[in-house]
């Protein structure tokens, strides 16, 4: 479906989640980045991207993703998500 509608951000996000759930982390990261290039996310995709990047050992990029996610989620009033990403950021050291 993404091939048929590449500009549909919802399809991109769904693909990313499925890839991550299947353990295809690198492909999931690429799909999340494609989604974020199209959509105004509220923090969830940034949290997923940060976690996936951390899993791949890309710590600096994970920090950036969590930082951006915290900023956006804070603006949107998603306090629980902010707390979750702050904890993940701390875990990165």
PDB file of N, CA and C in Angstrom:
ATOM      1  N   UNK A   1       0.819  -1.195   0.000  1.00  0.00           N
ATOM      2  CA  UNK A   1       0.000   0.000   0.000  1.00  0.00           C
ATOM      3  C   UNK A   1       0.864   1.261   0.000  1.00  0.00           C
ATOM      4  N   UNK A   2       1.997   1.211   0.698  1.00  0.00           N
ATOM      5  CA  UNK A   2       2.882   2.373   0.740  1.00  0.00           C
ATOM      6  C   UNK A   2       3.423   2.686  -0.647  1.00  0.00           C
ATOM      7  N   UNK A   3       3.692   1.641  -1.429  1.00  0.00           N
ATOM      8  CA  UNK A   3       4.182   1.876  -2.795  1.00  0.00           C
ATOM      9  C   UNK A   3       3.144   2.605  -3.633  1.00  0.00           C
ATOM     10  N   UNK A   4       1.870   2.287  -3.397  1.00  0.00           N
ATOM     11  CA  UNK A   4       0.789   2.915  -4.157  1.00  0.00           C
ATOM     12  C   UNK A   4       0.482   4.327  -3.673  1.00  0.00           C
ATOM     13  N   UNK A   5       0.709   4.585  -2.373  1.00  0.00           N
ATOM     14  CA  UNK A   5       0.401   5.889  -1.779  1.00  0.00           C
ATOM     15  C   UNK A   5       1.579   6.352  -0.912  1.00  0.00           C
ATOM     16  N   UNK A   6       2.709   6.650  -1.520  1.00  0.00           N
ATOM     17  CA  UNK A   6       3.911   6.975  -0.749  1.00  0.00           C
ATOM     18  C   UNK A   6       3.808   8.239   0.107  1.00  0.00           C
ATOM     19  N   UNK A   7       2.867   9.102  -0.193  1.00  0.00           N
ATOM     20  CA  UNK A   7       2.723  10.338   0.574  1.00  0.00           C
ATOM     21  C   UNK A   7       1.739  10.203   1.738  1.00  0.00           C
ATOM     22  N   UNK A   8       1.178   9.028   1.935  1.00  0.00           N
ATOM     23  CA  UNK A   8       0.233   8.800   3.031  1.00  0.00           C
ATOM     24  C   UNK A   8       1.021   8.510   4.307  1.00  0.00           C
ATOM     25  N   UNK A   9       1.103   9.487   5.179  1.00  0.00           N
ATOM     26  CA  UNK A   9       1.919   9.355   6.388  1.00  0.00           C
ATOM     27  C   UNK A   9       1.416   8.242   7.303  1.00  0.00           C
ATOM     28  N   UNK A  10       0.103   8.028   7.350  1.00  0.00           N
ATOM     29  CA  UNK A  10      -0.438   6.963   8.207  1.00  0.00           C
ATOM     30  C   UNK A  10       0.057   5.593   7.762  1.00  0.00           C
ATOM     31  N   UNK A  11       0.117   5.384   6.466  1.00  0.00           N
ATOM     32  CA  UNK A  11       0.633   4.118   5.950  1.00  0.00           C
ATOM     33  C   UNK A  11       2.107   3.962   6.286  1.00  0.00           C
ATOM     34  N   UNK A  12       2.849   5.041   6.171  1.00  0.00           N
ATOM     35  CA  UNK A  12       4.282   5.007   6.512  1.00  0.00           C
ATOM     36  C   UNK A  12       4.490   4.636   7.985  1.00  0.00           C
ATOM     37  N   UNK A  13       3.666   5.244   8.863  1.00  0.00           N
ATOM     38  CA  UNK A  13       3.799   4.945  10.290  1.00  0.00           C
ATOM     39  C   UNK A  13       3.437   3.485  10.557  1.00  0.00           C
ATOM     40  N   UNK A  14       2.364   3.021   9.954  1.00  0.00           N
ATOM     41  CA  UNK A  14       1.962   1.625  10.125  1.00  0.00           C
ATOM     42  C   UNK A  14       3.035   0.661   9.664  1.00  0.00           C
ATOM     43  N   UNK A  15       3.653   0.960   8.534  1.00  0.00           N
ATOM     44  CA  UNK A  15       4.744   0.130   8.033  1.00  0.00           C
ATOM     45  C   UNK A  15       5.902   0.113   9.022  1.00  0.00           C
ATOM     46  N   UNK A  16       6.245   1.271   9.544  1.00  0.00           N
ATOM     47  CA  UNK A  16       7.344   1.361  10.505  1.00  0.00           C
ATOM     48  C   UNK A  16       7.073   0.498  11.732  1.00  0.00           C
ATOM     49  N   UNK A  17       5.876   0.584  12.262  1.00  0.00           N
ATOM     50  CA  UNK A  17       5.520  -0.197  13.456  1.00  0.00           C
ATOM     51  C   UNK A  17       5.615  -1.694  13.157  1.00  0.00           C
ATOM     52  N   UNK A  18       5.105  -2.101  12.013  1.00  0.00           N
ATOM     53  CA  UNK A  18       5.159  -3.519  11.635  1.00  0.00           C
ATOM     54  C   UNK A  18       6.601  -3.998  11.486  1.00  0.00           C
ATOM     55  N   UNK A  19       7.427  -3.204  10.846  1.00  0.00           N
ATOM     56  CA  UNK A  19       8.831  -3.579  10.686  1.00  0.00           C
ATOM     57  C   UNK A  19       9.520  -3.712  12.036  1.00  0.00           C
ATOM     58  N   UNK A  20       9.289  -2.758  12.924  1.00  0.00           N
ATOM     59  CA  UNK A  20       9.897  -2.825  14.254  1.00  0.00           C
ATOM     60  C   UNK A  20       9.386  -4.041  15.027  1.00  0.00           C
ATOM     61  N   UNK A  21       8.102  -4.327  14.924  1.00  0.00           N
ATOM     62  CA  UNK A  21       7.529  -5.488  15.611  1.00  0.00           C
ATOM     63  C   UNK A  21       8.117  -6.798  15.102  1.00  0.00           C
ATOM     64  N   UNK A  22       8.501  -6.830  13.834  1.00  0.00           N
ATOM     65  CA  UNK A  22       9.103  -8.026  13.242  1.00  0.00           C
ATOM     66  C   UNK A  22      10.598  -8.123  13.531  1.00  0.00           C
ATOM     67  N   UNK A  23      11.144  -7.114  14.195  1.00  0.00           N
ATOM     68  CA  UNK A  23      12.569  -7.123  14.503  1.00  0.00           C
ATOM     69  C   UNK A  23      13.441  -6.605  13.374  1.00  0.00           C
ATOM     70  N   UNK A  24      12.825  -5.983  12.381  1.00  0.00           N
ATOM     71  CA  UNK A  24      13.573  -5.413  11.265  1.00  0.00           C
ATOM     72  C   UNK A  24      13.869  -3.946  11.589  1.00  0.00           C
ATOM     73  N   UNK A  25      14.778  -3.770  12.533  1.00  0.00           N
ATOM     74  CA  UNK A  25      15.020  -2.463  13.140  1.00  0.00           C
ATOM     75  C   UNK A  25      15.537  -1.435  12.150  1.00  0.00           C
ATOM     76  N   UNK A  26      16.518  -1.795  11.346  1.00  0.00           N
ATOM     77  CA  UNK A  26      17.090  -0.835  10.384  1.00  0.00           C
ATOM     78  C   UNK A  26      16.009  -0.349   9.422  1.00  0.00           C
ATOM     79  N   UNK A  27      15.214  -1.278   8.906  1.00  0.00           N
ATOM     80  CA  UNK A  27      14.138  -0.911   7.982  1.00  0.00           C
ATOM     81  C   UNK A  27      13.073  -0.081   8.696  1.00  0.00           C
ATOM     82  N   UNK A  28      12.818  -0.410   9.968  1.00  0.00           N
ATOM     83  CA  UNK A  28      11.862   0.357  10.772  1.00  0.00           C
ATOM     84  C   UNK A  28      12.320   1.791  10.969  1.00  0.00           C
ATOM     85  N   UNK A  29      13.614   1.969  11.200  1.00  0.00           N
ATOM     86  CA  UNK A  29      14.184   3.312  11.345  1.00  0.00           C
ATOM     87  C   UNK A  29      13.985   4.103  10.053  1.00  0.00           C
ATOM     88  N   UNK A  30      14.263   3.467   8.937  1.00  0.00           N
ATOM     89  CA  UNK A  30      14.097   4.147   7.648  1.00  0.00           C
ATOM     90  C   UNK A  30      12.634   4.536   7.426  1.00  0.00           C
ATOM     91  N   UNK A  31      11.717   3.637   7.779  1.00  0.00           N
ATOM     92  CA  UNK A  31      10.289   3.924   7.615  1.00  0.00           C
ATOM     93  C   UNK A  31       9.838   5.042   8.556  1.00  0.00           C
ATOM     94  N   UNK A  32      10.358   5.063   9.788  1.00  0.00           N
ATOM     95  CA  UNK A  32      10.013   6.142  10.719  1.00  0.00           C
ATOM     96  C   UNK A  32      10.531   7.483  10.204  1.00  0.00           C
ATOM     97  N   UNK A  33      11.732   7.480   9.675  1.00  0.00           N
ATOM     98  CA  UNK A  33      12.274   8.731   9.130  1.00  0.00           C
ATOM     99  C   UNK A  33      11.436   9.223   7.961  1.00  0.00           C
ATOM    100  N   UNK A  34      10.989   8.300   7.115  1.00  0.00           N
ATOM    101  CA  UNK A  34      10.123   8.683   5.988  1.00  0.00           C
ATOM    102  C   UNK A  34       8.803   9.251   6.506  1.00  0.00           C
ATOM    103  N   UNK A  35       8.252   8.624   7.537  1.00  0.00           N
ATOM    104  CA  UNK A  35       7.012   9.118   8.147  1.00  0.00           C
ATOM    105  C   UNK A  35       7.221  10.528   8.711  1.00  0.00           C
ATOM    106  N   UNK A  36       8.294  10.710   9.462  1.00  0.00           N
ATOM    107  CA  UNK A  36       8.547  12.001  10.108  1.00  0.00           C
ATOM    108  C   UNK A  36       8.826  13.108   9.094  1.00  0.00           C
ATOM    109  N   UNK A  37       9.291  12.741   7.915  1.00  0.00           N
ATOM    110  CA  UNK A  37       9.497  13.732   6.863  1.00  0.00           C
ATOM    111  C   UNK A  37       8.167  14.222   6.292  1.00  0.00           C
ATOM    112  N   UNK A  38       7.115  13.423   6.495  1.00  0.00           N
ATOM    113  CA  UNK A  38       5.800  13.753   5.943  1.00  0.00           C
ATOM    114  C   UNK A  38       4.809  14.303   6.963  1.00  0.00           C
ATOM    115  N   UNK A  39       4.994  13.947   8.226  1.00  0.00           N
ATOM    116  CA  UNK A  39       3.939  14.189   9.220  1.00  0.00           C
ATOM    117  C   UNK A  39       4.423  15.047  10.375  1.00  0.00           C
ATOM    118  N   UNK A  40       3.471  15.702  10.986  1.00  0.00           N
ATOM    119  CA  UNK A  40       3.697  16.434  12.235  1.00  0.00           C
ATOM    120  C   UNK A  40       3.355  15.467  13.363  1.00  0.00           C
ATOM    121  N   UNK A  41       4.364  14.818  13.895  1.00  0.00           N
ATOM    122  CA  UNK A  41       4.159  13.801  14.922  1.00  0.00           C
ATOM    123  C   UNK A  41       3.992  14.450  16.285  1.00  0.00           C
ATOM    124  N   UNK A  42       3.321  13.760  17.188  1.00  0.00           N
ATOM    125  CA  UNK A  42       3.102  14.290  18.533  1.00  0.00           C
ATOM    126  C   UNK A  42       4.071  13.716  19.558  1.00  0.00           C
ATOM    127  N   UNK A  43       5.028  12.927  19.106  1.00  0.00           N
ATOM    128  CA  UNK A  43       6.057  12.406  20.000  1.00  0.00           C
ATOM    129  C   UNK A  43       6.244  10.908  19.920  1.00  0.00           C
ATOM    130  N   UNK A  44       5.189  10.168  19.629  1.00  0.00           N
ATOM    131  CA  UNK A  44       5.252   8.713  19.619  1.00  0.00           C
ATOM    132  C   UNK A  44       6.292   8.189  18.635  1.00  0.00           C
ATOM    133  N   UNK A  45       6.283   8.682  17.415  1.00  0.00           N
ATOM    134  CA  UNK A  45       7.241   8.201  16.416  1.00  0.00           C
ATOM    135  C   UNK A  45       8.673   8.554  16.811  1.00  0.00           C
ATOM    136  N   UNK A  46       8.840   9.719  17.425  1.00  0.00           N
ATOM    137  CA  UNK A  46      10.180  10.097  17.878  1.00  0.00           C
ATOM    138  C   UNK A  46      10.674   9.149  18.963  1.00  0.00           C
ATOM    139  N   UNK A  47       9.781   8.749  19.867  1.00  0.00           N
ATOM    140  CA  UNK A  47      10.146   7.799  20.911  1.00  0.00           C
ATOM    141  C   UNK A  47      10.532   6.454  20.300  1.00  0.00           C
ATOM    142  N   UNK A  48       9.742   6.001  19.338  1.00  0.00           N
ATOM    143  CA  UNK A  48      10.043   4.740  18.664  1.00  0.00           C
ATOM    144  C   UNK A  48      11.372   4.825  17.908  1.00  0.00           C
ATOM    145  N   UNK A  49      11.601   5.964  17.255  1.00  0.00           N
ATOM    146  CA  UNK A  49      12.851   6.147  16.522  1.00  0.00           C
ATOM    147  C   UNK A  49      14.032   6.130  17.485  1.00  0.00           C
ATOM    148  N   UNK A  50      13.914   6.840  18.596  1.00  0.00           N
ATOM    149  CA  UNK A  50      14.993   6.847  19.583  1.00  0.00           C
ATOM    150  C   UNK A  50      15.300   5.456  20.103  1.00  0.00           C
ATOM    151  N   UNK A  51      14.273   4.700  20.410  1.00  0.00           N
ATOM    152  CA  UNK A  51      14.469   3.327  20.906  1.00  0.00           C
ATOM    153  C   UNK A  51      15.132   2.447  19.856  1.00  0.00           C
ATOM    154  N   UNK A  52      14.683   2.565  18.623  1.00  0.00           N
ATOM    155  CA  UNK A  52      15.250   1.742  17.557  1.00  0.00           C
ATOM    156  C   UNK A  52      16.707   2.106  17.310  1.00  0.00           C
ATOM    157  N   UNK A  53      17.001   3.390  17.300  1.00  0.00           N
ATOM    158  CA  UNK A  53      18.383   3.823  17.098  1.00  0.00           C
ATOM    159  C   UNK A  53      19.278   3.355  18.245  1.00  0.00           C
ATOM    160  N   UNK A  54      18.765   3.412  19.465  1.00  0.00           N
ATOM    161  CA  UNK A  54      19.532   2.922  20.616  1.00  0.00           C
ATOM    162  C   UNK A  54      19.811   1.430  20.466  1.00  0.00           C
ATOM    163  N   UNK A  55      18.812   0.695  20.004  1.00  0.00           N
ATOM    164  CA  UNK A  55      18.971  -0.743  19.786  1.00  0.00           C
ATOM    165  C   UNK A  55      20.075  -1.015  18.760  1.00  0.00           C
ATOM    166  N   UNK A  56      20.192  -0.151  17.773  1.00  0.00           N
ATOM    167  CA  UNK A  56      21.215  -0.305  16.741  1.00  0.00           C
ATOM    168  C   UNK A  56      22.582   0.223  17.185  1.00  0.00           C
ATOM    169  N   UNK A  57      22.640   0.804  18.388  1.00  0.00           N
ATOM    170  CA  UNK A  57      23.897   1.337  18.900  1.00  0.00           C
ATOM    171  C   UNK A  57      24.217   2.734  18.409  1.00  0.00           C
ATOM    172  N   UNK A  58      23.265   3.377  17.789  1.00  0.00           N
ATOM    173  CA  UNK A  58      23.453   4.740  17.281  1.00  0.00           C
ATOM    174  C   UNK A  58      22.993   5.735  18.352  1.00  0.00           C
ATOM    175  N   UNK A  59      23.794   5.827  19.399  1.00  0.00           N
ATOM    176  CA  UNK A  59      23.425   6.536  20.616  1.00  0.00           C
ATOM    177  C   UNK A  59      23.226   8.035  20.400  1.00  0.00           C
ATOM    178  N   UNK A  60      24.114   8.670  19.670  1.00  0.00           N
ATOM    179  CA  UNK A  60      23.963  10.118  19.447  1.00  0.00           C
ATOM    180  C   UNK A  60      22.671  10.432  18.696  1.00  0.00           C
ATOM    181  N   UNK A  61      22.368   9.638  17.680  1.00  0.00           N
ATOM    182  CA  UNK A  61      21.133   9.849  16.932  1.00  0.00           C
ATOM    183  C   UNK A  61      19.911   9.533  17.791  1.00  0.00           C
ATOM    184  N   UNK A  62      20.038   8.539  18.662  1.00  0.00           N
ATOM    185  CA  UNK A  62      18.946   8.205  19.578  1.00  0.00           C
ATOM    186  C   UNK A  62      18.685   9.376  20.521  1.00  0.00           C
ATOM    187  N   UNK A  63      19.738   9.969  21.029  1.00  0.00           N
ATOM    188  CA  UNK A  63      19.585  11.135  21.912  1.00  0.00           C
ATOM    189  C   UNK A  63      18.858  12.273  21.197  1.00  0.00           C
ATOM    190  N   UNK A  64      19.241  12.510  19.952  1.00  0.00           N
ATOM    191  CA  UNK A  64      18.589  13.567  19.174  1.00  0.00           C
ATOM    192  C   UNK A  64      17.106  13.275  18.983  1.00  0.00           C
ATOM    193  N   UNK A  65      16.778  12.022  18.664  1.00  0.00           N
ATOM    194  CA  UNK A  65      15.377  11.647  18.457  1.00  0.00           C
ATOM    195  C   UNK A  65      14.581  11.811  19.739  1.00  0.00           C
ATOM    196  N   UNK A  66      15.120  11.327  20.853  1.00  0.00           N
ATOM    197  CA  UNK A  66      14.422  11.482  22.130  1.00  0.00           C
ATOM    198  C   UNK A  66      14.266  12.961  22.487  1.00  0.00           C
ATOM    199  N   UNK A  67      15.314  13.741  22.252  1.00  0.00           N
ATOM    200  CA  UNK A  67      15.239  15.167  22.546  1.00  0.00           C
ATOM    201  C   UNK A  67      14.154  15.866  21.756  1.00  0.00           C
ATOM    202  N   UNK A  68      14.074  15.553  20.475  1.00  0.00           N
ATOM    203  CA  UNK A  68      13.024  16.146  19.630  1.00  0.00           C
ATOM    204  C   UNK A  68      11.655  15.661  20.077  1.00  0.00           C
ATOM    205  N   UNK A  69      11.561  14.394  20.425  1.00  0.00           N
ATOM    206  CA  UNK A  69      10.298  13.846  20.900  1.00  0.00           C
ATOM    207  C   UNK A  69       9.840  14.481  22.198  1.00  0.00           C
ATOM    208  N   UNK A  70      10.769  14.712  23.103  1.00  0.00           N
ATOM    209  CA  UNK A  70      10.445  15.362  24.374  1.00  0.00           C
ATOM    210  C   UNK A  70       9.922  16.772  24.123  1.00  0.00           C
ATOM    211  N   UNK A  71      10.594  17.479  23.250  1.00  0.00           N
ATOM    212  CA  UNK A  71      10.177  18.844  22.913  1.00  0.00           C
ATOM    213  C   UNK A  71       8.738  18.864  22.367  1.00  0.00           C
ATOM    214  N   UNK A  72       8.470  18.014  21.421  1.00  0.00           N
ATOM    215  CA  UNK A  72       7.150  17.981  20.785  1.00  0.00           C
ATOM    216  C   UNK A  72       6.076  17.478  21.744  1.00  0.00           C
ATOM    217  N   UNK A  73       6.362  16.385  22.443  1.00  0.00           N
ATOM    218  CA  UNK A  73       5.372  15.822  23.369  1.00  0.00           C
ATOM    219  C   UNK A  73       5.064  16.808  24.494  1.00  0.00           C
ATOM    220  N   UNK A  74       6.061  17.562  24.926  1.00  0.00           N
ATOM    221  CA  UNK A  74       5.835  18.581  25.962  1.00  0.00           C
ATOM    222  C   UNK A  74       4.881  19.652  25.468  1.00  0.00           C
ATOM    223  N   UNK A  75       5.088  20.088  24.232  1.00  0.00           N
ATOM    224  CA  UNK A  75       4.218  21.111  23.645  1.00  0.00           C
ATOM    225  C   UNK A  75       2.786  20.619  23.526  1.00  0.00           C
ATOM    226  N   UNK A  76       2.610  19.331  23.343  1.00  0.00           N
ATOM    227  CA  UNK A  76       1.278  18.755  23.136  1.00  0.00           C
ATOM    228  C   UNK A  76       0.637  18.267  24.440  1.00  0.00           C
ATOM    229  N   UNK A  77       1.364  18.390  25.540  1.00  0.00           N
ATOM    230  CA  UNK A  77       0.822  17.991  26.838  1.00  0.00           C
ATOM    231  C   UNK A  77       0.810  16.495  27.088  1.00  0.00           C
ATOM    232  N   UNK A  78       1.687  15.750  26.423  1.00  0.00           N
ATOM    233  CA  UNK A  78       1.764  14.299  26.600  1.00  0.00           C
ATOM    234  C   UNK A  78       2.817  13.980  27.676  1.00  0.00           C
ATOM    235  N   UNK A  79       2.458  14.263  28.901  1.00  0.00           N
ATOM    236  CA  UNK A  79       3.416  14.168  30.012  1.00  0.00           C
ATOM    237  C   UNK A  79       3.969  12.767  30.227  1.00  0.00           C
ATOM    238  N   UNK A  80       3.134  11.750  30.104  1.00  0.00           N
ATOM    239  CA  UNK A  80       3.614  10.382  30.309  1.00  0.00           C
ATOM    240  C   UNK A  80       4.646   9.999  29.256  1.00  0.00           C
ATOM    241  N   UNK A  81       4.426  10.422  28.030  1.00  0.00           N
ATOM    242  CA  UNK A  81       5.369  10.145  26.962  1.00  0.00           C
ATOM    243  C   UNK A  81       6.672  10.900  27.190  1.00  0.00           C
ATOM    244  N   UNK A  82       6.576  12.128  27.657  1.00  0.00           N
ATOM    245  CA  UNK A  82       7.777  12.910  27.984  1.00  0.00           C
ATOM    246  C   UNK A  82       8.591  12.172  29.037  1.00  0.00           C
ATOM    247  N   UNK A  83       7.922  11.721  30.080  1.00  0.00           N
ATOM    248  CA  UNK A  83       8.615  11.010  31.159  1.00  0.00           C
ATOM    249  C   UNK A  83       9.284   9.738  30.646  1.00  0.00           C
ATOM    250  N   UNK A  84       8.588   9.014  29.800  1.00  0.00           N
ATOM    251  CA  UNK A  84       9.133   7.785  29.225  1.00  0.00           C
ATOM    252  C   UNK A  84      10.401   8.072  28.424  1.00  0.00           C
ATOM    253  N   UNK A  85      10.369   9.119  27.615  1.00  0.00           N
ATOM    254  CA  UNK A  85      11.550   9.447  26.809  1.00  0.00           C
ATOM    255  C   UNK A  85      12.671  10.006  27.652  1.00  0.00           C
ATOM    256  N   UNK A  86      12.367  10.755  28.695  1.00  0.00           N
ATOM    257  CA  UNK A  86      13.418  11.251  29.587  1.00  0.00           C
ATOM    258  C   UNK A  86      14.133  10.084  30.260  1.00  0.00           C
ATOM    259  N   UNK A  87      13.380   9.070  30.673  1.00  0.00           N
ATOM    260  CA  UNK A  87      13.983   7.879  31.272  1.00  0.00           C
ATOM    261  C   UNK A  87      14.857   7.141  30.261  1.00  0.00           C
ATOM    262  N   UNK A  88      14.367   7.026  29.038  1.00  0.00           N
ATOM    263  CA  UNK A  88      15.156   6.359  27.991  1.00  0.00           C
ATOM    264  C   UNK A  88      16.438   7.130  27.711  1.00  0.00           C
ATOM    265  N   UNK A  89      16.339   8.437  27.722  1.00  0.00           N
ATOM    266  CA  UNK A  89      17.505   9.293  27.512  1.00  0.00           C
ATOM    267  C   UNK A  89      18.524   9.100  28.628  1.00  0.00           C
ATOM    268  N   UNK A  90      18.057   9.019  29.862  1.00  0.00           N
ATOM    269  CA  UNK A  90      18.944   8.775  30.998  1.00  0.00           C
ATOM    270  C   UNK A  90      19.624   7.423  30.881  1.00  0.00           C
ATOM    271  N   UNK A  91      18.863   6.425  30.421  1.00  0.00           N
ATOM    272  CA  UNK A  91      19.421   5.083  30.268  1.00  0.00           C
ATOM    273  C   UNK A  91      20.558   5.033  29.235  1.00  0.00           C
ATOM    274  N   UNK A  92      20.537   5.969  28.299  1.00  0.00           N
ATOM    275  CA  UNK A  92      21.593   6.021  27.290  1.00  0.00           C
ATOM    276  C   UNK A  92      22.919   6.491  27.883  1.00  0.00           C
ATOM    277  N   UNK A  93      22.823   7.139  29.045  1.00  0.00           N
ATOM    278  CA  UNK A  93      24.032   7.598  29.733  1.00  0.00           C
ATOM    279  C   UNK A  93      24.540   8.930  29.289  1.00  0.00           C
TER     280      UNK A  93
END
